[in-house]
Amino acid sequence: MGEQENTIRIAVVEEQIKGMREQQRSHNQSTQRRFDDIDSKMDELIAIINRGRGAYAASLVLAGLIGGFVIKLGSMLGNFFSR
């Protein structure tokens, strides 16, 4: 009777181990999908940041040009009225 009980216990433990391994596989696949999703979101975020940097640089150049024009115009008007 003891051998039969042990055989049943071993079979139960083996089934539990199989179930746990399947859970681990499922969790691993789920986690891998999440990491892949995070990678794609990071790539999108980096692309947005790079576009933002380009827009920022363009706005600085434009502000410099406008500032230079205003200074030049002020200088010309100052020379005109000082005569």
Protein backbone atom coordinates (compact mmCIF):
# COMPACT_ATOMS: atom_id res chain seq x y z
CA MET A 1 0.00 0.00 0.00
CA GLY A 2 2.86 2.42 0.67
CA GLU A 3 4.33 1.98 -2.80
CA GLN A 4 1.04 2.75 -4.46
CA GLU A 5 0.62 5.89 -2.35
CA ASN A 6 4.11 7.05 -3.27
CA THR A 7 3.43 6.42 -6.96
CA ILE A 8 0.25 8.51 -6.74
CA ARG A 9 2.07 11.29 -4.90
CA ILE A 10 4.86 11.29 -7.48
CA ALA A 11 2.29 11.49 -10.30
CA VAL A 12 0.54 14.41 -8.57
CA VAL A 13 3.83 16.25 -8.04
CA GLU A 14 4.82 15.66 -11.69
CA GLU A 15 1.49 17.12 -12.85
CA GLN A 16 1.97 20.12 -10.56
CA ILE A 17 5.45 20.66 -11.99
CA LYS A 18 4.05 20.47 -15.55
CA GLY A 19 1.42 23.07 -14.62
CA MET A 20 4.03 25.36 -13.09
CA ARG A 21 6.26 25.05 -16.16
CA GLU A 22 3.33 25.98 -18.41
CA GLN A 23 2.61 28.99 -16.20
CA GLN A 24 6.26 30.01 -16.46
CA ARG A 25 6.19 29.69 -20.27
CA SER A 26 3.02 31.75 -20.46
CA HIS A 27 4.44 34.40 -18.13
CA ASN A 28 7.69 34.48 -20.12
CA GLN A 29 5.80 35.04 -23.39
CA SER A 30 3.68 37.76 -21.81
CA THR A 31 6.73 39.47 -20.38
CA GLN A 32 8.55 39.28 -23.72
CA ARG A 33 5.58 40.92 -25.48
CA ARG A 34 5.64 43.71 -22.89
CA PHE A 35 9.37 44.27 -23.41
CA ASP A 36 8.89 44.35 -27.18
CA ASP A 37 6.07 46.86 -26.73
CA ILE A 38 8.26 49.01 -24.45
CA ASP A 39 11.06 48.91 -27.05
CA SER A 40 8.75 50.12 -29.80
CA LYS A 41 7.37 52.87 -27.55
CA MET A 42 10.91 53.98 -26.67
CA ASP A 43 11.78 54.16 -30.38
CA GLU A 44 8.68 56.30 -31.01
CA LEU A 45 9.53 58.55 -28.06
CA ILE A 46 13.11 59.02 -29.26
CA ALA A 47 11.82 59.95 -32.72
CA ILE A 48 9.47 62.52 -31.20
CA ILE A 49 12.28 63.96 -29.06
CA ASN A 50 14.54 64.25 -32.10
CA ARG A 51 11.82 66.07 -34.05
CA GLY A 52 11.36 68.36 -31.06
CA ARG A 53 15.08 69.13 -30.99
CA GLY A 54 14.98 70.02 -34.68
CA ALA A 55 12.01 72.33 -34.14
CA TYR A 56 13.76 73.93 -31.18
CA ALA A 57 16.92 74.52 -33.21
CA ALA A 58 14.88 75.99 -36.07
CA SER A 59 13.06 78.31 -33.68
CA LEU A 60 16.39 79.50 -32.25
CA VAL A 61 17.70 80.27 -35.75
CA LEU A 62 14.49 82.09 -36.63
CA ALA A 63 14.59 84.09 -33.38
CA GLY A 64 18.22 85.02 -34.13
CA LEU A 65 17.32 86.20 -37.62
CA ILE A 66 14.39 88.26 -36.34
CA GLY A 67 16.54 89.71 -33.55
CA GLY A 68 19.28 90.60 -36.04
CA PHE A 69 16.73 92.27 -38.31
CA VAL A 70 15.26 94.28 -35.43
CA ILE A 71 18.73 95.43 -34.30
CA LYS A 72 19.70 96.40 -37.84
CA LEU A 73 16.39 98.26 -38.30
CA GLY A 74 16.90 100.06 -34.99
CA SER A 75 20.41 101.04 -36.03
CA MET A 76 19.20 102.35 -39.38
CA LEU A 77 16.40 104.34 -37.75
CA GLY A 78 18.80 105.70 -35.14
CA ASN A 79 21.17 106.87 -37.88
CA PHE A 80 18.30 108.39 -39.86
CA PHE A 81 16.93 110.43 -36.94
CA SER A 82 20.33 111.47 -35.62
CA ARG A 83 21.09 113.48 -38.78
